[in-house]
Amino acid sequence: MLLKADNADEVYLVQLGSHHHIPNPDVYFALFSAWDKIVVKSPKEVNTIPVGISPSLDACLIKAND
């Protein structure tokens, strides 16, 4: 899930029980094609999810041929 608090600009990837801050739009668009999948929640709801490690600045998604 992609997540942000309603009072902040930071976007997070929620994966394996943690939220991971996506550091900038370049990293976001290397991973996802549009902003429309972001779920907006209250800061309290976002903060109940443990913090994980942010994706690196050169993050990308890959898929095997099979």
Protein backbone atom coordinates (compact mmCIF):
# COMPACT_ATOMS: atom_id res chain seq x y z
CA MET A 1 0.00 0.00 0.00
CA LEU A 2 1.10 3.58 -0.64
CA LEU A 3 0.26 5.82 2.29
CA LYS A 4 0.49 9.42 3.47
CA ALA A 5 -0.81 11.38 6.42
CA ASP A 6 -3.45 13.99 5.65
CA ASN A 7 -1.31 16.74 7.22
CA ALA A 8 2.03 15.94 5.50
CA ASP A 9 3.59 15.54 2.06
CA GLU A 10 5.69 12.44 2.81
CA VAL A 11 4.63 9.27 1.01
CA TYR A 12 5.33 5.80 2.41
CA LEU A 13 5.38 2.30 1.01
CA VAL A 14 3.77 -0.07 3.51
CA GLN A 15 5.32 -3.49 3.18
CA LEU A 16 5.81 -6.43 5.55
CA GLY A 17 4.29 -4.54 8.47
CA SER A 18 6.45 -1.40 8.24
CA HIS A 19 6.15 1.95 6.48
CA HIS A 20 9.10 3.02 4.36
CA HIS A 21 9.52 6.70 3.45
CA ILE A 22 9.92 7.26 -0.28
CA PRO A 23 12.61 9.96 -0.27
CA ASN A 24 11.64 11.98 -3.37
CA PRO A 25 9.49 12.02 -6.53
CA ASP A 26 12.28 10.52 -8.67
CA VAL A 27 12.36 7.41 -6.48
CA TYR A 28 8.56 7.31 -6.38
CA PHE A 29 8.26 7.36 -10.18
CA ALA A 30 11.02 4.75 -10.54
CA LEU A 31 8.71 2.45 -8.56
CA PHE A 32 5.18 3.61 -9.44
CA SER A 33 3.56 5.26 -12.45
CA ALA A 34 1.07 7.69 -10.84
CA TRP A 35 0.09 9.39 -7.59
CA ASP A 36 -3.46 8.00 -7.68
CA LYS A 37 -2.76 4.85 -5.61
CA ILE A 38 -1.84 6.76 -2.42
CA VAL A 39 -4.18 6.16 0.54
CA VAL A 40 -4.57 9.17 2.85
CA LYS A 41 -4.96 8.47 6.58
CA SER A 42 -4.71 10.44 9.80
CA PRO A 43 -1.23 11.03 11.26
CA LYS A 44 -2.23 8.80 14.20
CA GLU A 45 -3.02 5.91 11.83
CA VAL A 46 0.25 6.37 9.92
CA ASN A 47 2.27 6.54 13.13
CA THR A 48 0.87 3.24 14.43
CA ILE A 49 2.78 1.42 11.68
CA PRO A 50 6.43 0.70 12.58
CA VAL A 51 9.07 2.64 10.62
CA GLY A 52 11.14 0.70 8.10
CA ILE A 53 14.17 1.49 5.97
CA SER A 54 13.65 3.93 3.08
CA PRO A 55 14.25 2.74 -0.48
CA SER A 56 17.63 3.80 -1.86
CA LEU A 57 17.87 6.72 -4.27
CA ASP A 58 18.52 4.25 -7.10
CA ALA A 59 15.58 1.95 -6.27
CA CYS A 60 13.74 0.27 -9.12
CA LEU A 61 11.37 -2.63 -9.73
CA ILE A 62 12.45 -5.55 -11.85
CA LYS A 63 10.61 -8.57 -13.19
CA ALA A 64 12.02 -11.88 -14.39
CA ASN A 65 11.08 -13.09 -17.86
CA ASP A 66 9.37 -16.17 -16.43
